[in-house]
Amino acid sequence: MPKEEEKPAEGAEGAEGAEAPKKKSKLIPMVGSAVVLVAGATAALWYLGVGPFAGGRPKHAEATAAIEEGEPEGAGEAEGGKGGKPGEAPGGLVALAPFIANLADDGGRRYLKATFQIDFGGATVPASIQAHLPQVRDLLLTLFTSKTYDEIRTPEGKQQLREEILGRVNQVLDRDLAKAVYFTEFIVQ
C-alpha cells in the first residue's frame, strides 16, 4: 500500500506545480498595470509642473492664467515693439485681417485665403495707414480676385503677388513706405 500513498503525494505536488504558473500569469498584468499607472502619474505631474518637475517654471494653471490675461506691462517694449495699436506688430509691421477672395478661374470654384503683414522698414508704422486701411483692403481684394490659380501657385507667382501688394499699398499712401510683405497664411482651394 505504500506505493499507492506515494502516487497521491506525487499528484499533490503536480497540482501545486500547476498553480504556480497560474499565479505568475496573474502577476504579469498586475505589474504591467502598475507600471502604466506610475508612468501616467509621472507624465501628469511633469505636464502640470508639480513636485520635483517644477524646475522654476510656473505651474500650468498659472501659465494659462497669464496667457488669458494678456502680456504683462512692458512686455511689448522689451521686444522692441511699441506695444501700441491693435493690428500693429512690433518693429514697423502691420498685420492685416485675413483676405478671402474667389480667384478668376473658370467657374469661380477656387478661392484664396491669405494673411500677411506689411513691413514699413522702420521702427514705427506710418500713422496714415490706419486712415487708409479701407482703401488698401479694397485694392488688395480687387487684386486677388483678378488672379488665377496658375498665376499664384508657384514661388515666382507668390513673389510677383508680393510686389503687386507693395505697389498697391504704396499707391494708396502716395509714397514708397511699404518695403516688404510677409505671408503668414496662404491657402488656395
N, C-alpha and C. Protein backbone atom coordinates (compact mmCIF):
# COMPACT_ATOMS: atom_id res chain seq x y z
N MET A 1 0.78 -1.19 0.00
CA MET A 1 0.00 0.00 0.00
C MET A 1 0.84 1.27 0.00
N PRO A 2 2.01 1.21 0.47
CA PRO A 2 2.78 2.43 0.47
C PRO A 2 2.95 2.98 -0.95
N LYS A 3 2.89 2.13 -1.91
CA LYS A 3 3.03 2.62 -3.27
C LYS A 3 1.86 3.50 -3.66
N GLU A 4 0.68 3.16 -3.19
CA GLU A 4 -0.50 3.95 -3.51
C GLU A 4 -0.44 5.31 -2.83
N GLU A 5 0.11 5.36 -1.64
CA GLU A 5 0.22 6.62 -0.93
C GLU A 5 1.21 7.54 -1.62
N GLU A 6 2.21 6.99 -2.21
CA GLU A 6 3.19 7.80 -2.91
C GLU A 6 2.59 8.42 -4.15
N LYS A 7 1.73 7.71 -4.80
CA LYS A 7 1.13 8.24 -6.02
C LYS A 7 0.27 9.47 -5.74
N PRO A 8 -0.60 9.43 -4.72
CA PRO A 8 -1.35 10.65 -4.45
C PRO A 8 -0.43 11.79 -4.04
N ALA A 9 0.65 11.48 -3.37
CA ALA A 9 1.57 12.53 -2.97
C ALA A 9 2.20 13.17 -4.20
N GLU A 10 2.50 12.37 -5.17
CA GLU A 10 3.06 12.92 -6.42
C GLU A 10 2.01 13.75 -7.13
N GLY A 11 0.77 13.31 -7.08
CA GLY A 11 -0.32 14.05 -7.71
C GLY A 11 -0.52 15.39 -7.03
N ALA A 12 -0.33 15.43 -5.71
CA ALA A 12 -0.48 16.67 -4.97
C ALA A 12 0.62 17.65 -5.35
N GLU A 13 1.82 17.15 -5.52
CA GLU A 13 2.92 18.02 -5.95
C GLU A 13 2.67 18.53 -7.35
N GLY A 14 2.11 17.72 -8.20
CA GLY A 14 1.79 18.14 -9.56
C GLY A 14 0.73 19.22 -9.56
N ALA A 15 -0.22 19.14 -8.63
CA ALA A 15 -1.27 20.15 -8.54
C ALA A 15 -0.68 21.47 -8.07
N GLU A 16 0.24 21.45 -7.11
CA GLU A 16 0.89 22.67 -6.65
C GLU A 16 1.73 23.27 -7.76
N GLY A 17 2.38 22.44 -8.53
CA GLY A 17 3.19 22.91 -9.65
C GLY A 17 2.33 23.57 -10.72
N ALA A 18 1.12 23.14 -10.90
CA ALA A 18 0.23 23.72 -11.89
C ALA A 18 -0.30 25.07 -11.42
N GLU A 19 -0.42 25.26 -10.08
CA GLU A 19 -0.91 26.53 -9.55
C GLU A 19 0.15 27.62 -9.68
N ALA A 20 1.41 27.29 -9.63
CA ALA A 20 2.48 28.28 -9.70
C ALA A 20 2.47 29.03 -11.04
N PRO A 21 2.33 28.37 -12.18
CA PRO A 21 2.26 29.13 -13.44
C PRO A 21 1.01 30.02 -13.51
N LYS A 22 -0.11 29.58 -12.90
CA LYS A 22 -1.32 30.40 -12.91
C LYS A 22 -1.10 31.67 -12.10
N LYS A 23 -0.39 31.57 -10.97
CA LYS A 23 -0.10 32.74 -10.17
C LYS A 23 0.80 33.70 -10.91
N LYS A 24 1.79 33.18 -11.65
CA LYS A 24 2.69 34.02 -12.43
C LYS A 24 1.94 34.71 -13.56
N SER A 25 1.01 34.02 -14.19
CA SER A 25 0.26 34.62 -15.30
C SER A 25 -0.66 35.72 -14.81
N LYS A 26 -1.12 35.67 -13.56
CA LYS A 26 -1.94 36.74 -12.98
C LYS A 26 -1.07 37.90 -12.52
N LEU A 27 0.17 37.62 -12.19
CA LEU A 27 1.07 38.64 -11.69
C LEU A 27 1.54 39.58 -12.80
N ILE A 28 1.74 39.10 -13.99
CA ILE A 28 2.25 39.91 -15.10
C ILE A 28 1.31 41.07 -15.45
N PRO A 29 0.01 40.86 -15.63
CA PRO A 29 -0.86 42.01 -15.92
C PRO A 29 -0.93 43.01 -14.78
N MET A 30 -0.85 42.52 -13.54
CA MET A 30 -0.90 43.43 -12.40
C MET A 30 0.35 44.32 -12.37
N VAL A 31 1.51 43.76 -12.61
CA VAL A 31 2.75 44.53 -12.63
C VAL A 31 2.71 45.51 -13.81
N GLY A 32 2.25 45.07 -14.95
CA GLY A 32 2.14 45.95 -16.12
C GLY A 32 1.20 47.11 -15.86
N SER A 33 0.09 46.85 -15.21
CA SER A 33 -0.86 47.92 -14.88
C SER A 33 -0.24 48.92 -13.92
N ALA A 34 0.51 48.44 -12.97
CA ALA A 34 1.16 49.34 -12.01
C ALA A 34 2.19 50.23 -12.71
N VAL A 35 2.95 49.67 -13.65
CA VAL A 35 3.94 50.45 -14.39
C VAL A 35 3.25 51.53 -15.21
N VAL A 36 2.16 51.19 -15.88
CA VAL A 36 1.41 52.16 -16.69
C VAL A 36 0.84 53.26 -15.79
N LEU A 37 0.33 52.91 -14.64
CA LEU A 37 -0.24 53.87 -13.70
C LEU A 37 0.83 54.85 -13.21
N VAL A 38 2.00 54.35 -12.85
CA VAL A 38 3.08 55.21 -12.38
C VAL A 38 3.57 56.11 -13.52
N ALA A 39 3.70 55.58 -14.71
CA ALA A 39 4.13 56.40 -15.85
C ALA A 39 3.11 57.50 -16.14
N GLY A 40 1.83 57.19 -16.09
CA GLY A 40 0.80 58.20 -16.32
C GLY A 40 0.81 59.29 -15.27
N ALA A 41 0.98 58.90 -14.01
CA ALA A 41 1.03 59.89 -12.94
C ALA A 41 2.26 60.79 -13.09
N THR A 42 3.39 60.20 -13.47
CA THR A 42 4.61 60.98 -13.68
C THR A 42 4.43 61.97 -14.82
N ALA A 43 3.82 61.52 -15.91
CA ALA A 43 3.58 62.41 -17.06
C ALA A 43 2.65 63.55 -16.67
N ALA A 44 1.62 63.27 -15.89
CA ALA A 44 0.69 64.31 -15.45
C ALA A 44 1.40 65.33 -14.57
N LEU A 45 2.23 64.88 -13.65
CA LEU A 45 2.99 65.79 -12.79
C LEU A 45 3.94 66.65 -13.60
N TRP A 46 4.60 66.05 -14.58
CA TRP A 46 5.52 66.80 -15.44
C TRP A 46 4.76 67.85 -16.23
N TYR A 47 3.62 67.49 -16.82
CA TYR A 47 2.82 68.41 -17.64
C TYR A 47 2.33 69.59 -16.80
N LEU A 48 1.89 69.31 -15.58
CA LEU A 48 1.37 70.36 -14.71
C LEU A 48 2.48 71.14 -14.01
N GLY A 49 3.71 70.64 -14.07
CA GLY A 49 4.82 71.32 -13.42
C GLY A 49 4.73 71.27 -11.92
N VAL A 50 4.28 70.15 -11.39
CA VAL A 50 4.09 69.99 -9.96
C VAL A 50 5.20 69.10 -9.40
N GLY A 51 5.54 69.34 -8.14
CA GLY A 51 6.50 68.47 -7.47
C GLY A 51 7.92 68.67 -7.97
N PRO A 52 8.68 67.59 -8.10
CA PRO A 52 10.08 67.72 -8.48
C PRO A 52 10.26 68.15 -9.93
N PHE A 53 9.17 68.21 -10.70
CA PHE A 53 9.27 68.56 -12.10
C PHE A 53 9.06 70.04 -12.35
N ALA A 54 8.84 70.84 -11.32
CA ALA A 54 8.55 72.25 -11.49
C ALA A 54 9.73 72.98 -12.12
N GLY A 55 10.93 72.77 -11.64
CA GLY A 55 12.11 73.33 -12.27
C GLY A 55 12.10 74.84 -12.40
N GLY A 56 11.42 75.55 -11.53
CA GLY A 56 11.41 77.00 -11.61
C GLY A 56 10.40 77.55 -12.59
N ARG A 57 9.73 76.71 -13.33
CA ARG A 57 8.71 77.17 -14.29
C ARG A 57 7.39 77.38 -13.57
N PRO A 58 6.54 78.26 -14.11
CA PRO A 58 5.23 78.41 -13.48
C PRO A 58 4.39 77.17 -13.71
N LYS A 59 3.51 76.91 -12.79
CA LYS A 59 2.62 75.78 -12.93
C LYS A 59 1.70 76.01 -14.11
N HIS A 60 1.15 74.94 -14.64
CA HIS A 60 0.31 75.01 -15.83
C HIS A 60 -0.86 75.98 -15.64
N ALA A 61 -1.53 75.91 -14.52
CA ALA A 61 -2.68 76.78 -14.28
C ALA A 61 -2.25 78.24 -14.24
N GLU A 62 -1.10 78.53 -13.62
CA GLU A 62 -0.61 79.90 -13.56
C GLU A 62 -0.21 80.40 -14.94
N ALA A 63 0.43 79.55 -15.73
CA ALA A 63 0.83 79.94 -17.07
C ALA A 63 -0.39 80.19 -17.95
N THR A 64 -1.40 79.35 -17.83
CA THR A 64 -2.62 79.54 -18.61
C THR A 64 -3.32 80.83 -18.22
N ALA A 65 -3.36 81.13 -16.94
CA ALA A 65 -3.99 82.37 -16.48
C ALA A 65 -3.23 83.58 -17.01
N ALA A 66 -1.91 83.49 -17.05
CA ALA A 66 -1.11 84.60 -17.55
C ALA A 66 -1.38 84.84 -19.03
N ILE A 67 -1.57 83.78 -19.80
CA ILE A 67 -1.86 83.92 -21.23
C ILE A 67 -3.23 84.54 -21.43
N GLU A 68 -4.22 84.09 -20.67
CA GLU A 68 -5.57 84.60 -20.83
C GLU A 68 -5.67 86.06 -20.44
N GLU A 69 -4.88 86.50 -19.45
CA GLU A 69 -4.91 87.89 -19.03
C GLU A 69 -4.18 88.79 -20.00
N GLY A 70 -3.29 88.27 -20.80
CA GLY A 70 -2.52 89.09 -21.74
C GLY A 70 -1.10 89.22 -21.25
N GLU A 71 -0.31 89.96 -22.02
CA GLU A 71 1.09 90.15 -21.67
C GLU A 71 1.21 91.06 -20.46
N PRO A 72 2.24 90.85 -19.65
CA PRO A 72 2.48 91.77 -18.56
C PRO A 72 2.89 93.13 -19.11
N GLU A 73 2.74 94.16 -18.30
CA GLU A 73 3.08 95.51 -18.75
C GLU A 73 4.55 95.57 -19.12
N GLY A 74 4.83 96.24 -20.25
CA GLY A 74 6.20 96.42 -20.70
C GLY A 74 6.72 95.27 -21.53
N ALA A 75 5.96 94.19 -21.72
CA ALA A 75 6.46 93.05 -22.48
C ALA A 75 6.66 93.42 -23.94
N GLY A 76 5.77 94.19 -24.51
CA GLY A 76 5.91 94.60 -25.90
C GLY A 76 7.09 95.52 -26.09
N GLU A 77 7.39 96.36 -25.11
CA GLU A 77 8.50 97.28 -25.22
C GLU A 77 9.82 96.53 -25.12
N ALA A 78 9.87 95.46 -24.35
CA ALA A 78 11.11 94.70 -24.20
C ALA A 78 11.47 94.00 -25.49
N GLU A 79 10.50 93.70 -26.33
CA GLU A 79 10.76 93.01 -27.58
C GLU A 79 11.05 93.98 -28.72
N GLY A 80 11.12 95.24 -28.45
CA GLY A 80 11.44 96.20 -29.49
C GLY A 80 10.21 96.81 -30.11
N GLY A 81 9.03 96.38 -29.74
CA GLY A 81 7.82 96.94 -30.30
C GLY A 81 7.33 98.07 -29.44
N LYS A 82 6.32 98.75 -29.93
CA LYS A 82 5.80 99.84 -29.13
C LYS A 82 4.58 99.42 -28.35
N GLY A 83 4.11 98.17 -28.54
CA GLY A 83 3.01 97.65 -27.77
C GLY A 83 1.77 98.51 -27.91
N GLY A 84 1.57 99.10 -29.08
CA GLY A 84 0.53 100.10 -29.26
C GLY A 84 -0.77 99.57 -29.79
N LYS A 85 -1.13 100.03 -30.97
CA LYS A 85 -2.46 99.82 -31.53
C LYS A 85 -2.69 98.38 -31.94
N PRO A 86 -3.95 97.94 -31.90
CA PRO A 86 -4.26 96.60 -32.39
C PRO A 86 -3.97 96.50 -33.88
N GLY A 87 -3.48 95.36 -34.31
CA GLY A 87 -3.18 95.16 -35.73
C GLY A 87 -1.75 95.54 -36.07
N GLU A 88 -1.08 96.23 -35.17
CA GLU A 88 0.30 96.60 -35.42
C GLU A 88 1.21 95.66 -34.66
N ALA A 89 2.09 95.04 -35.40
CA ALA A 89 3.07 94.15 -34.79
C ALA A 89 4.30 94.97 -34.43
N PRO A 90 5.19 94.46 -33.61
CA PRO A 90 6.38 95.21 -33.24
C PRO A 90 7.28 95.49 -34.44
N GLY A 91 7.97 96.61 -34.39
CA GLY A 91 9.00 96.90 -35.37
C GLY A 91 8.52 97.34 -36.73
N GLY A 92 7.49 98.12 -36.82
CA GLY A 92 7.06 98.66 -38.10
C GLY A 92 6.28 97.70 -38.97
N LEU A 93 5.69 96.68 -38.39
CA LEU A 93 4.87 95.73 -39.14
C LEU A 93 3.40 95.97 -38.85
N VAL A 94 2.58 95.83 -39.88
CA VAL A 94 1.13 95.90 -39.72
C VAL A 94 0.56 94.58 -40.17
N ALA A 95 -0.18 93.92 -39.27
CA ALA A 95 -0.83 92.65 -39.60
C ALA A 95 -2.24 92.97 -40.08
N LEU A 96 -2.53 92.61 -41.31
CA LEU A 96 -3.87 92.84 -41.86
C LEU A 96 -4.76 91.64 -41.57
N ALA A 97 -6.04 91.90 -41.47
CA ALA A 97 -7.01 90.82 -41.27
C ALA A 97 -6.97 89.89 -42.48
N PRO A 98 -7.31 88.63 -42.31
CA PRO A 98 -7.25 87.68 -43.43
C PRO A 98 -8.13 88.11 -44.60
N PHE A 99 -7.64 87.82 -45.79
CA PHE A 99 -8.38 88.08 -47.02
C PHE A 99 -8.90 86.76 -47.56
N ILE A 100 -10.16 86.71 -47.94
CA ILE A 100 -10.73 85.54 -48.61
C ILE A 100 -11.36 86.06 -49.90
N ALA A 101 -10.89 85.52 -51.03
CA ALA A 101 -11.36 86.03 -52.32
C ALA A 101 -11.48 84.89 -53.31
N ASN A 102 -12.50 84.95 -54.16
CA ASN A 102 -12.63 84.00 -55.26
C ASN A 102 -11.59 84.34 -56.31
N LEU A 103 -10.96 83.31 -56.86
CA LEU A 103 -9.98 83.53 -57.92
C LEU A 103 -10.69 83.63 -59.25
N ALA A 104 -9.98 84.14 -60.25
CA ALA A 104 -10.57 84.39 -61.56
C ALA A 104 -10.57 83.15 -62.44
N ASP A 105 -10.49 81.97 -61.88
CA ASP A 105 -10.52 80.73 -62.66
C ASP A 105 -11.91 80.50 -63.22
N ASP A 106 -12.00 79.63 -64.24
CA ASP A 106 -13.30 79.30 -64.83
C ASP A 106 -14.22 78.70 -63.78
N GLY A 107 -15.44 79.18 -63.74
CA GLY A 107 -16.43 78.65 -62.81
C GLY A 107 -16.35 79.26 -61.42
N GLY A 108 -15.28 79.96 -61.08
CA GLY A 108 -15.14 80.60 -59.78
C GLY A 108 -15.18 79.64 -58.61
N ARG A 109 -14.69 78.41 -58.83
CA ARG A 109 -14.74 77.41 -57.76
C ARG A 109 -13.52 77.46 -56.85
N ARG A 110 -12.49 78.15 -57.23
CA ARG A 110 -11.29 78.24 -56.40
C ARG A 110 -11.29 79.56 -55.65
N TYR A 111 -10.76 79.50 -54.43
CA TYR A 111 -10.63 80.73 -53.68
C TYR A 111 -9.29 80.78 -52.96
N LEU A 112 -8.92 81.97 -52.55
CA LEU A 112 -7.66 82.22 -51.88
C LEU A 112 -7.94 82.77 -50.50
N LYS A 113 -7.25 82.24 -49.52
CA LYS A 113 -7.26 82.82 -48.18
C LYS A 113 -5.82 83.21 -47.88
N ALA A 114 -5.60 84.49 -47.65
CA ALA A 114 -4.24 84.98 -47.42
C ALA A 114 -4.23 85.90 -46.20
N THR A 115 -3.25 85.68 -45.36
CA THR A 115 -3.00 86.55 -44.22
C THR A 115 -1.54 86.97 -44.33
N PHE A 116 -1.28 88.23 -44.14
CA PHE A 116 0.09 88.70 -44.27
C PHE A 116 0.32 89.95 -43.44
N GLN A 117 1.58 90.31 -43.34
CA GLN A 117 1.99 91.52 -42.65
C GLN A 117 2.76 92.39 -43.62
N ILE A 118 2.61 93.69 -43.46
CA ILE A 118 3.33 94.64 -44.29
C ILE A 118 4.42 95.28 -43.43
N ASP A 119 5.63 95.24 -43.94
CA ASP A 119 6.79 95.81 -43.23
C ASP A 119 7.08 97.18 -43.80
N PHE A 120 7.16 98.18 -42.92
CA PHE A 120 7.44 99.55 -43.34
C PHE A 120 8.90 99.91 -43.16
N GLY A 121 9.71 98.94 -42.77
CA GLY A 121 11.15 99.13 -42.75
C GLY A 121 11.69 99.94 -41.59
N GLY A 122 10.89 100.62 -40.85
CA GLY A 122 11.37 101.41 -39.73
C GLY A 122 10.90 100.83 -38.42
N ALA A 123 11.14 101.59 -37.38
CA ALA A 123 10.72 101.15 -36.05
C ALA A 123 9.26 101.47 -35.79
N THR A 124 8.68 102.32 -36.63
CA THR A 124 7.29 102.72 -36.42
C THR A 124 6.48 102.51 -37.70
N VAL A 125 5.20 102.43 -37.51
CA VAL A 125 4.25 102.30 -38.62
C VAL A 125 3.72 103.70 -38.92
N PRO A 126 3.65 104.08 -40.20
CA PRO A 126 3.10 105.40 -40.51
C PRO A 126 1.67 105.54 -39.98
N ALA A 127 1.38 106.69 -39.42
CA ALA A 127 0.06 106.93 -38.86
C ALA A 127 -1.02 106.91 -39.93
N SER A 128 -0.67 107.22 -41.14
CA SER A 128 -1.67 107.30 -42.22
C SER A 128 -2.21 105.93 -42.65
N ILE A 129 -1.54 104.85 -42.28
CA ILE A 129 -2.00 103.54 -42.72
C ILE A 129 -3.37 103.20 -42.12
N GLN A 130 -3.61 103.55 -40.86
CA GLN A 130 -4.90 103.24 -40.25
C GLN A 130 -6.03 103.99 -40.94
N ALA A 131 -5.78 105.22 -41.34
CA ALA A 131 -6.80 106.02 -42.02
C ALA A 131 -7.09 105.48 -43.42
N HIS A 132 -6.09 104.89 -44.06
CA HIS A 132 -6.25 104.40 -45.44
C HIS A 132 -6.52 102.90 -45.53
N LEU A 133 -6.75 102.25 -44.41
CA LEU A 133 -6.96 100.81 -44.41
C LEU A 133 -8.12 100.35 -45.28
N PRO A 134 -9.26 101.03 -45.31
CA PRO A 134 -10.34 100.58 -46.22
C PRO A 134 -9.94 100.63 -47.70
N GLN A 135 -9.20 101.66 -48.10
CA GLN A 135 -8.74 101.73 -49.49
C GLN A 135 -7.74 100.63 -49.80
N VAL A 136 -6.85 100.35 -48.85
CA VAL A 136 -5.85 99.29 -49.05
C VAL A 136 -6.56 97.95 -49.21
N ARG A 137 -7.50 97.65 -48.33
CA ARG A 137 -8.21 96.36 -48.42
C ARG A 137 -8.98 96.25 -49.73
N ASP A 138 -9.61 97.33 -50.17
CA ASP A 138 -10.36 97.30 -51.42
C ASP A 138 -9.44 97.00 -52.61
N LEU A 139 -8.31 97.71 -52.69
CA LEU A 139 -7.39 97.47 -53.79
C LEU A 139 -6.81 96.05 -53.76
N LEU A 140 -6.55 95.54 -52.56
CA LEU A 140 -5.99 94.19 -52.46
C LEU A 140 -7.03 93.12 -52.80
N LEU A 141 -8.26 93.31 -52.39
CA LEU A 141 -9.32 92.36 -52.78
C LEU A 141 -9.51 92.34 -54.29
N THR A 142 -9.46 93.50 -54.90
CA THR A 142 -9.57 93.58 -56.36
C THR A 142 -8.39 92.86 -57.02
N LEU A 143 -7.21 93.03 -56.46
CA LEU A 143 -6.02 92.34 -56.97
C LEU A 143 -6.17 90.83 -56.87
N PHE A 144 -6.59 90.34 -55.70
CA PHE A 144 -6.70 88.90 -55.50
C PHE A 144 -7.75 88.27 -56.42
N THR A 145 -8.86 88.94 -56.63
CA THR A 145 -9.91 88.37 -57.49
C THR A 145 -9.53 88.41 -58.96
N SER A 146 -8.49 89.14 -59.32
CA SER A 146 -8.05 89.17 -60.72
C SER A 146 -7.04 88.06 -61.02
N LYS A 147 -6.58 87.36 -60.01
CA LYS A 147 -5.57 86.32 -60.19
C LYS A 147 -6.20 84.95 -60.41
N THR A 148 -5.47 84.10 -61.14
CA THR A 148 -5.90 82.72 -61.32
C THR A 148 -4.99 81.82 -60.48
N TYR A 149 -5.42 80.59 -60.32
CA TYR A 149 -4.65 79.62 -59.55
C TYR A 149 -3.27 79.42 -60.17
N ASP A 150 -3.19 79.31 -61.48
CA ASP A 150 -1.91 79.09 -62.16
C ASP A 150 -0.94 80.25 -61.95
N GLU A 151 -1.46 81.46 -61.76
CA GLU A 151 -0.59 82.62 -61.57
C GLU A 151 0.02 82.67 -60.17
N ILE A 152 -0.64 82.10 -59.18
CA ILE A 152 -0.15 82.26 -57.81
C ILE A 152 0.35 80.96 -57.17
N ARG A 153 0.30 79.85 -57.88
CA ARG A 153 0.67 78.59 -57.25
C ARG A 153 2.17 78.37 -57.14
N THR A 154 2.96 79.04 -57.96
CA THR A 154 4.41 78.85 -57.94
C THR A 154 5.08 79.87 -57.01
N PRO A 155 6.30 79.60 -56.57
CA PRO A 155 7.03 80.59 -55.77
C PRO A 155 7.22 81.93 -56.52
N GLU A 156 7.44 81.84 -57.82
CA GLU A 156 7.59 83.06 -58.61
C GLU A 156 6.29 83.84 -58.64
N GLY A 157 5.18 83.14 -58.72
CA GLY A 157 3.87 83.79 -58.71
C GLY A 157 3.59 84.47 -57.39
N LYS A 158 3.98 83.83 -56.30
CA LYS A 158 3.80 84.44 -54.98
C LYS A 158 4.68 85.68 -54.83
N GLN A 159 5.90 85.62 -55.36
CA GLN A 159 6.79 86.78 -55.30
C GLN A 159 6.20 87.93 -56.13
N GLN A 160 5.66 87.64 -57.29
CA GLN A 160 5.01 88.66 -58.12
C GLN A 160 3.83 89.27 -57.38
N LEU A 161 3.07 88.43 -56.68
CA LEU A 161 1.93 88.92 -55.91
C LEU A 161 2.40 89.84 -54.78
N ARG A 162 3.50 89.49 -54.13
CA ARG A 162 4.06 90.36 -53.08
C ARG A 162 4.38 91.75 -53.64
N GLU A 163 5.02 91.77 -54.80
CA GLU A 163 5.39 93.05 -55.42
C GLU A 163 4.15 93.86 -55.79
N GLU A 164 3.12 93.20 -56.27
CA GLU A 164 1.89 93.91 -56.62
C GLU A 164 1.19 94.44 -55.36
N ILE A 165 1.24 93.69 -54.26
CA ILE A 165 0.66 94.16 -53.00
C ILE A 165 1.40 95.41 -52.54
N LEU A 166 2.74 95.39 -52.59
CA LEU A 166 3.52 96.57 -52.21
C LEU A 166 3.16 97.77 -53.07
N GLY A 167 3.03 97.53 -54.36
CA GLY A 167 2.67 98.62 -55.28
C GLY A 167 1.33 99.23 -54.94
N ARG A 168 0.35 98.40 -54.62
CA ARG A 168 -0.99 98.91 -54.29
C ARG A 168 -0.99 99.66 -52.96
N VAL A 169 -0.28 99.14 -51.97
CA VAL A 169 -0.23 99.82 -50.67
C VAL A 169 0.46 101.17 -50.81
N ASN A 170 1.59 101.21 -51.51
CA ASN A 170 2.31 102.47 -51.71
C ASN A 170 1.51 103.45 -52.56
N GLN A 171 0.69 102.93 -53.47
CA GLN A 171 -0.18 103.78 -54.29
C GLN A 171 -1.18 104.53 -53.39
N VAL A 172 -1.76 103.83 -52.43
CA VAL A 172 -2.73 104.46 -51.53
C VAL A 172 -2.04 105.49 -50.64
N LEU A 173 -0.84 105.19 -50.16
CA LEU A 173 -0.13 106.09 -49.24
C LEU A 173 0.59 107.22 -49.97
N ASP A 174 0.65 107.21 -51.29
CA ASP A 174 1.31 108.22 -52.13
C ASP A 174 2.81 108.32 -51.87
N ARG A 175 3.39 107.33 -51.25
CA ARG A 175 4.84 107.29 -51.02
C ARG A 175 5.28 105.85 -50.96
N ASP A 176 6.58 105.63 -51.13
CA ASP A 176 7.13 104.27 -51.04
C ASP A 176 7.48 103.96 -49.59
N LEU A 177 6.45 103.77 -48.77
CA LEU A 177 6.66 103.49 -47.35
C LEU A 177 6.72 101.99 -47.08
N ALA A 178 5.91 101.21 -47.76
CA ALA A 178 5.89 99.76 -47.56
C ALA A 178 7.11 99.16 -48.24
N LYS A 179 7.84 98.33 -47.49
CA LYS A 179 9.09 97.76 -48.00
C LYS A 179 9.01 96.28 -48.30
N ALA A 180 8.17 95.53 -47.56
CA ALA A 180 8.11 94.08 -47.75
C ALA A 180 6.75 93.56 -47.31
N VAL A 181 6.41 92.39 -47.85
CA VAL A 181 5.18 91.69 -47.48
C VAL A 181 5.58 90.30 -47.02
N TYR A 182 5.05 89.89 -45.87
CA TYR A 182 5.34 88.57 -45.33
C TYR A 182 4.03 87.80 -45.19
N PHE A 183 3.88 86.73 -45.98
CA PHE A 183 2.68 85.90 -45.88
C PHE A 183 2.78 85.06 -44.61
N THR A 184 1.73 85.06 -43.81
CA THR A 184 1.68 84.19 -42.64
C THR A 184 0.69 83.05 -42.86
N GLU A 185 -0.15 83.19 -43.89
CA GLU A 185 -1.09 82.12 -44.26
C GLU A 185 -1.41 82.32 -45.73
N PHE A 186 -1.36 81.23 -46.49
CA PHE A 186 -1.63 81.32 -47.92
C PHE A 186 -2.26 79.99 -48.34
N ILE A 187 -3.57 80.00 -48.51
CA ILE A 187 -4.31 78.78 -48.82
C ILE A 187 -5.09 79.00 -50.10
N VAL A 188 -4.96 78.08 -51.04
CA VAL A 188 -5.78 78.10 -52.26
C VAL A 188 -6.53 76.79 -52.30
N GLN A 189 -7.84 76.89 -52.47
CA GLN A 189 -8.64 75.66 -52.51
C GLN A 189 -9.55 75.70 -53.71
